[in-house]
Amino acid sequence: MADPVTSATWEQEVLKAQGLVLIDFWAVWCGPCRMVAPIVDEISKEYAGKLKVLKLNTDENPDVAGKYRIMGIPTLMFFRNGQTVDQIVGAVPKSQLKTKIDSLLA
């Protein structure tokens, strides 16, 4: 399962992380977020050791969501060595997410 990240742990977990990190920006009330959550959890298991997967609750951490201009959720944002490299906005099928991850890992 994807681990939670907060404003307090953001720098250590994301900005100082080596390699590729996927952040799922979500909220409890968001229907599409609930649809994509099991896919994100499956990705977390399938790519263990190759990709770090984290979840950030935008209601509880509005400062981080604001900093990265998260306007719609779910937003799946990819970081490499602390830098934003790509993002997907909205619920997407697992195959589309895997294609994106594979291209970023290549």
N, C-alpha and C. Protein backbone atom coordinates (compact mmCIF):
# COMPACT_ATOMS: atom_id res chain seq x y z
N MET A 1 0.83 -1.18 0.00
CA MET A 1 0.00 0.00 0.00
C MET A 1 0.87 1.25 0.00
N ALA A 2 0.37 2.31 -0.65
CA ALA A 2 1.10 3.58 -0.69
C ALA A 2 1.14 4.20 0.71
N ASP A 3 2.29 4.72 1.08
CA ASP A 3 2.45 5.34 2.40
C ASP A 3 1.98 6.79 2.37
N PRO A 4 1.43 7.27 3.49
CA PRO A 4 1.04 8.68 3.54
C PRO A 4 2.26 9.59 3.68
N VAL A 5 2.16 10.77 3.09
CA VAL A 5 3.18 11.80 3.26
C VAL A 5 2.45 13.06 3.69
N THR A 6 3.11 13.90 4.51
CA THR A 6 2.49 15.13 5.02
C THR A 6 3.43 16.30 4.76
N SER A 7 2.95 17.49 5.08
CA SER A 7 3.80 18.68 4.96
C SER A 7 5.09 18.49 5.76
N ALA A 8 4.97 17.87 6.93
CA ALA A 8 6.12 17.69 7.82
C ALA A 8 7.15 16.71 7.24
N THR A 9 6.69 15.72 6.48
CA THR A 9 7.61 14.70 5.97
C THR A 9 7.94 14.88 4.49
N TRP A 10 7.34 15.88 3.85
CA TRP A 10 7.47 16.08 2.40
C TRP A 10 8.93 16.19 1.95
N GLU A 11 9.70 17.06 2.59
CA GLU A 11 11.09 17.27 2.16
C GLU A 11 11.89 15.97 2.23
N GLN A 12 11.79 15.27 3.35
CA GLN A 12 12.55 14.03 3.53
C GLN A 12 12.08 12.93 2.58
N GLU A 13 10.76 12.74 2.47
CA GLU A 13 10.20 11.62 1.71
C GLU A 13 10.22 11.85 0.20
N VAL A 14 10.10 13.10 -0.23
CA VAL A 14 9.97 13.39 -1.67
C VAL A 14 11.19 14.13 -2.21
N LEU A 15 11.48 15.30 -1.66
CA LEU A 15 12.52 16.15 -2.23
C LEU A 15 13.92 15.57 -2.06
N LYS A 16 14.14 14.81 -1.00
CA LYS A 16 15.47 14.22 -0.78
C LYS A 16 15.55 12.77 -1.25
N ALA A 17 14.45 12.24 -1.78
CA ALA A 17 14.41 10.85 -2.23
C ALA A 17 15.22 10.68 -3.52
N GLN A 18 15.90 9.56 -3.62
CA GLN A 18 16.63 9.23 -4.84
C GLN A 18 15.71 8.41 -5.74
N GLY A 19 15.82 8.63 -7.04
CA GLY A 19 15.01 7.85 -7.97
C GLY A 19 13.62 8.42 -8.16
N LEU A 20 12.75 7.60 -8.73
CA LEU A 20 11.41 8.04 -9.11
C LEU A 20 10.42 7.88 -7.95
N VAL A 21 9.63 8.95 -7.71
CA VAL A 21 8.62 8.96 -6.66
C VAL A 21 7.28 9.35 -7.29
N LEU A 22 6.24 8.59 -6.97
CA LEU A 22 4.88 8.90 -7.42
C LEU A 22 4.08 9.38 -6.22
N ILE A 23 3.48 10.57 -6.33
CA ILE A 23 2.63 11.11 -5.28
C ILE A 23 1.19 11.11 -5.78
N ASP A 24 0.30 10.52 -5.00
CA ASP A 24 -1.13 10.54 -5.29
C ASP A 24 -1.74 11.64 -4.41
N PHE A 25 -2.09 12.78 -5.04
CA PHE A 25 -2.77 13.87 -4.32
C PHE A 25 -4.26 13.52 -4.32
N TRP A 26 -4.86 13.41 -3.12
CA TRP A 26 -6.23 12.93 -3.00
C TRP A 26 -6.93 13.61 -1.83
N ALA A 27 -8.24 13.33 -1.70
CA ALA A 27 -9.02 13.77 -0.54
C ALA A 27 -10.11 12.74 -0.27
N VAL A 28 -10.55 12.67 0.98
CA VAL A 28 -11.53 11.68 1.41
C VAL A 28 -12.84 11.78 0.62
N TRP A 29 -13.29 13.00 0.33
CA TRP A 29 -14.59 13.23 -0.32
C TRP A 29 -14.56 13.03 -1.84
N CYS A 30 -13.39 12.75 -2.41
CA CYS A 30 -13.21 12.71 -3.87
C CYS A 30 -13.52 11.31 -4.42
N GLY A 31 -14.61 11.18 -5.17
CA GLY A 31 -15.00 9.90 -5.77
C GLY A 31 -13.95 9.32 -6.70
N PRO A 32 -13.46 10.10 -7.70
CA PRO A 32 -12.42 9.58 -8.59
C PRO A 32 -11.14 9.16 -7.85
N CYS A 33 -10.85 9.82 -6.71
CA CYS A 33 -9.68 9.44 -5.90
C CYS A 33 -9.87 8.02 -5.35
N ARG A 34 -11.10 7.71 -4.91
CA ARG A 34 -11.39 6.38 -4.39
C ARG A 34 -11.29 5.34 -5.51
N MET A 35 -11.61 5.74 -6.75
CA MET A 35 -11.50 4.82 -7.88
C MET A 35 -10.04 4.49 -8.20
N VAL A 36 -9.17 5.49 -8.10
CA VAL A 36 -7.77 5.31 -8.49
C VAL A 36 -6.93 4.74 -7.34
N ALA A 37 -7.40 4.84 -6.09
CA ALA A 37 -6.62 4.39 -4.93
C ALA A 37 -6.19 2.92 -5.02
N PRO A 38 -7.08 1.97 -5.37
CA PRO A 38 -6.63 0.57 -5.46
C PRO A 38 -5.59 0.36 -6.57
N ILE A 39 -5.69 1.14 -7.63
CA ILE A 39 -4.71 1.04 -8.73
C ILE A 39 -3.35 1.51 -8.24
N VAL A 40 -3.34 2.63 -7.50
CA VAL A 40 -2.09 3.17 -6.95
C VAL A 40 -1.46 2.15 -5.99
N ASP A 41 -2.30 1.50 -5.17
CA ASP A 41 -1.78 0.48 -4.25
C ASP A 41 -1.19 -0.72 -5.01
N GLU A 42 -1.84 -1.14 -6.10
CA GLU A 42 -1.30 -2.24 -6.91
C GLU A 42 0.04 -1.84 -7.54
N ILE A 43 0.11 -0.63 -8.04
CA ILE A 43 1.35 -0.10 -8.64
C ILE A 43 2.47 -0.11 -7.59
N SER A 44 2.12 0.29 -6.37
CA SER A 44 3.08 0.31 -5.27
C SER A 44 3.72 -1.06 -5.06
N LYS A 45 2.89 -2.12 -5.12
CA LYS A 45 3.40 -3.48 -4.94
C LYS A 45 4.19 -3.94 -6.17
N GLU A 46 3.64 -3.70 -7.36
CA GLU A 46 4.26 -4.18 -8.59
C GLU A 46 5.63 -3.54 -8.87
N TYR A 47 5.77 -2.27 -8.47
CA TYR A 47 7.01 -1.55 -8.76
C TYR A 47 7.87 -1.38 -7.51
N ALA A 48 7.64 -2.20 -6.49
CA ALA A 48 8.43 -2.13 -5.26
C ALA A 48 9.92 -2.25 -5.59
N GLY A 49 10.72 -1.34 -5.04
CA GLY A 49 12.16 -1.34 -5.31
C GLY A 49 12.55 -0.50 -6.51
N LYS A 50 11.58 -0.15 -7.37
CA LYS A 50 11.86 0.67 -8.56
C LYS A 50 11.21 2.04 -8.46
N LEU A 51 10.13 2.12 -7.67
CA LEU A 51 9.33 3.33 -7.60
C LEU A 51 8.82 3.48 -6.17
N LYS A 52 8.97 4.69 -5.61
CA LYS A 52 8.44 4.99 -4.28
C LYS A 52 7.05 5.61 -4.50
N VAL A 53 6.03 5.05 -3.84
CA VAL A 53 4.66 5.52 -4.01
C VAL A 53 4.14 6.08 -2.69
N LEU A 54 3.66 7.33 -2.73
CA LEU A 54 3.17 8.02 -1.55
C LEU A 54 1.83 8.67 -1.84
N LYS A 55 1.04 8.90 -0.78
CA LYS A 55 -0.25 9.57 -0.91
C LYS A 55 -0.25 10.82 -0.04
N LEU A 56 -0.77 11.94 -0.60
CA LEU A 56 -0.86 13.17 0.17
C LEU A 56 -2.32 13.62 0.18
N ASN A 57 -2.89 13.74 1.38
CA ASN A 57 -4.25 14.22 1.55
C ASN A 57 -4.22 15.74 1.40
N THR A 58 -4.88 16.25 0.34
CA THR A 58 -4.81 17.68 0.04
C THR A 58 -5.57 18.53 1.07
N ASP A 59 -6.59 17.97 1.72
CA ASP A 59 -7.32 18.72 2.75
C ASP A 59 -6.47 18.92 4.00
N GLU A 60 -5.66 17.91 4.33
CA GLU A 60 -4.83 17.98 5.54
C GLU A 60 -3.50 18.68 5.30
N ASN A 61 -3.10 18.81 4.02
CA ASN A 61 -1.81 19.42 3.67
C ASN A 61 -1.97 20.42 2.53
N PRO A 62 -2.80 21.46 2.73
CA PRO A 62 -3.07 22.40 1.64
C PRO A 62 -1.85 23.20 1.18
N ASP A 63 -0.87 23.36 2.06
CA ASP A 63 0.34 24.11 1.69
C ASP A 63 1.10 23.41 0.57
N VAL A 64 1.25 22.08 0.66
CA VAL A 64 1.96 21.32 -0.37
C VAL A 64 1.14 21.32 -1.66
N ALA A 65 -0.16 21.07 -1.54
CA ALA A 65 -1.03 21.07 -2.73
C ALA A 65 -0.98 22.42 -3.43
N GLY A 66 -0.98 23.49 -2.66
CA GLY A 66 -0.91 24.84 -3.24
C GLY A 66 0.41 25.12 -3.92
N LYS A 67 1.48 24.67 -3.29
CA LYS A 67 2.82 24.91 -3.85
C LYS A 67 2.96 24.30 -5.24
N TYR A 68 2.33 23.13 -5.44
CA TYR A 68 2.43 22.44 -6.74
C TYR A 68 1.21 22.70 -7.62
N ARG A 69 0.41 23.71 -7.25
CA ARG A 69 -0.76 24.15 -8.03
C ARG A 69 -1.69 22.99 -8.38
N ILE A 70 -2.00 22.18 -7.38
CA ILE A 70 -2.94 21.07 -7.58
C ILE A 70 -4.34 21.66 -7.63
N MET A 71 -4.93 21.67 -8.83
CA MET A 71 -6.26 22.26 -9.03
C MET A 71 -7.35 21.19 -9.05
N GLY A 72 -7.02 20.01 -9.54
CA GLY A 72 -7.98 18.92 -9.60
C GLY A 72 -7.38 17.67 -9.00
N ILE A 73 -8.22 16.88 -8.35
CA ILE A 73 -7.73 15.62 -7.80
C ILE A 73 -8.62 14.49 -8.31
N PRO A 74 -8.10 13.30 -8.45
CA PRO A 74 -6.72 12.94 -8.11
C PRO A 74 -5.71 13.51 -9.11
N THR A 75 -4.57 13.92 -8.59
CA THR A 75 -3.41 14.26 -9.42
C THR A 75 -2.30 13.31 -9.02
N LEU A 76 -1.75 12.63 -10.01
CA LEU A 76 -0.61 11.73 -9.78
C LEU A 76 0.61 12.46 -10.31
N MET A 77 1.50 12.85 -9.41
CA MET A 77 2.68 13.64 -9.79
C MET A 77 3.94 12.81 -9.59
N PHE A 78 4.83 12.90 -10.56
CA PHE A 78 6.08 12.14 -10.53
C PHE A 78 7.24 13.08 -10.25
N PHE A 79 8.09 12.66 -9.31
CA PHE A 79 9.32 13.39 -8.98
C PHE A 79 10.51 12.48 -9.21
N ARG A 80 11.60 13.06 -9.66
CA ARG A 80 12.87 12.33 -9.75
C ARG A 80 13.93 13.21 -9.11
N ASN A 81 14.56 12.67 -8.06
CA ASN A 81 15.61 13.40 -7.34
C ASN A 81 15.15 14.80 -6.92
N GLY A 82 13.90 14.88 -6.42
CA GLY A 82 13.37 16.13 -5.88
C GLY A 82 12.74 17.06 -6.89
N GLN A 83 12.79 16.72 -8.19
CA GLN A 83 12.24 17.59 -9.23
C GLN A 83 10.99 16.96 -9.84
N THR A 84 9.98 17.81 -10.12
CA THR A 84 8.78 17.32 -10.80
C THR A 84 9.15 16.95 -12.23
N VAL A 85 8.78 15.74 -12.66
CA VAL A 85 9.09 15.32 -14.03
C VAL A 85 7.84 15.09 -14.88
N ASP A 86 6.70 14.82 -14.26
CA ASP A 86 5.48 14.57 -15.03
C ASP A 86 4.30 14.51 -14.08
N GLN A 87 3.08 14.54 -14.66
CA GLN A 87 1.88 14.37 -13.84
C GLN A 87 0.72 13.92 -14.69
N ILE A 88 -0.23 13.28 -14.03
CA ILE A 88 -1.48 12.85 -14.64
C ILE A 88 -2.59 13.40 -13.76
N VAL A 89 -3.57 14.09 -14.37
CA VAL A 89 -4.70 14.62 -13.60
C VAL A 89 -5.94 13.80 -13.94
N GLY A 90 -6.64 13.37 -12.90
CA GLY A 90 -7.86 12.59 -13.09
C GLY A 90 -7.60 11.10 -12.94
N ALA A 91 -8.70 10.36 -12.81
CA ALA A 91 -8.61 8.91 -12.69
C ALA A 91 -8.28 8.32 -14.06
N VAL A 92 -7.25 7.51 -14.13
CA VAL A 92 -6.84 6.88 -15.39
C VAL A 92 -6.77 5.37 -15.20
N PRO A 93 -6.93 4.61 -16.30
CA PRO A 93 -6.80 3.16 -16.18
C PRO A 93 -5.38 2.75 -15.81
N LYS A 94 -5.27 1.60 -15.17
CA LYS A 94 -3.97 1.09 -14.73
C LYS A 94 -2.98 0.99 -15.89
N SER A 95 -3.47 0.53 -17.06
CA SER A 95 -2.58 0.37 -18.22
C SER A 95 -1.93 1.70 -18.61
N GLN A 96 -2.68 2.79 -18.55
CA GLN A 96 -2.14 4.11 -18.90
C GLN A 96 -1.10 4.55 -17.88
N LEU A 97 -1.37 4.29 -16.61
CA LEU A 97 -0.43 4.65 -15.55
C LEU A 97 0.86 3.85 -15.67
N LYS A 98 0.72 2.55 -15.95
CA LYS A 98 1.91 1.70 -16.11
C LYS A 98 2.75 2.15 -17.30
N THR A 99 2.11 2.54 -18.40
CA THR A 99 2.84 3.02 -19.58
C THR A 99 3.66 4.25 -19.22
N LYS A 100 3.05 5.18 -18.48
CA LYS A 100 3.74 6.40 -18.04
C LYS A 100 4.93 6.06 -17.15
N ILE A 101 4.71 5.18 -16.16
CA ILE A 101 5.78 4.81 -15.23
C ILE A 101 6.93 4.13 -15.98
N ASP A 102 6.58 3.19 -16.87
CA ASP A 102 7.62 2.48 -17.62
C ASP A 102 8.47 3.45 -18.45
N SER A 103 7.83 4.46 -19.05
CA SER A 103 8.59 5.43 -19.84
C SER A 103 9.49 6.28 -18.94
N LEU A 104 9.03 6.60 -17.73
CA LEU A 104 9.85 7.39 -16.80
C LEU A 104 10.98 6.57 -16.20
N LEU A 105 10.80 5.28 -16.08
CA LEU A 105 11.85 4.40 -15.53
C LEU A 105 12.89 4.03 -16.58
N ALA A 106 12.51 4.13 -17.86
CA ALA A 106 13.40 3.70 -18.96
C ALA A 106 14.63 4.59 -19.05
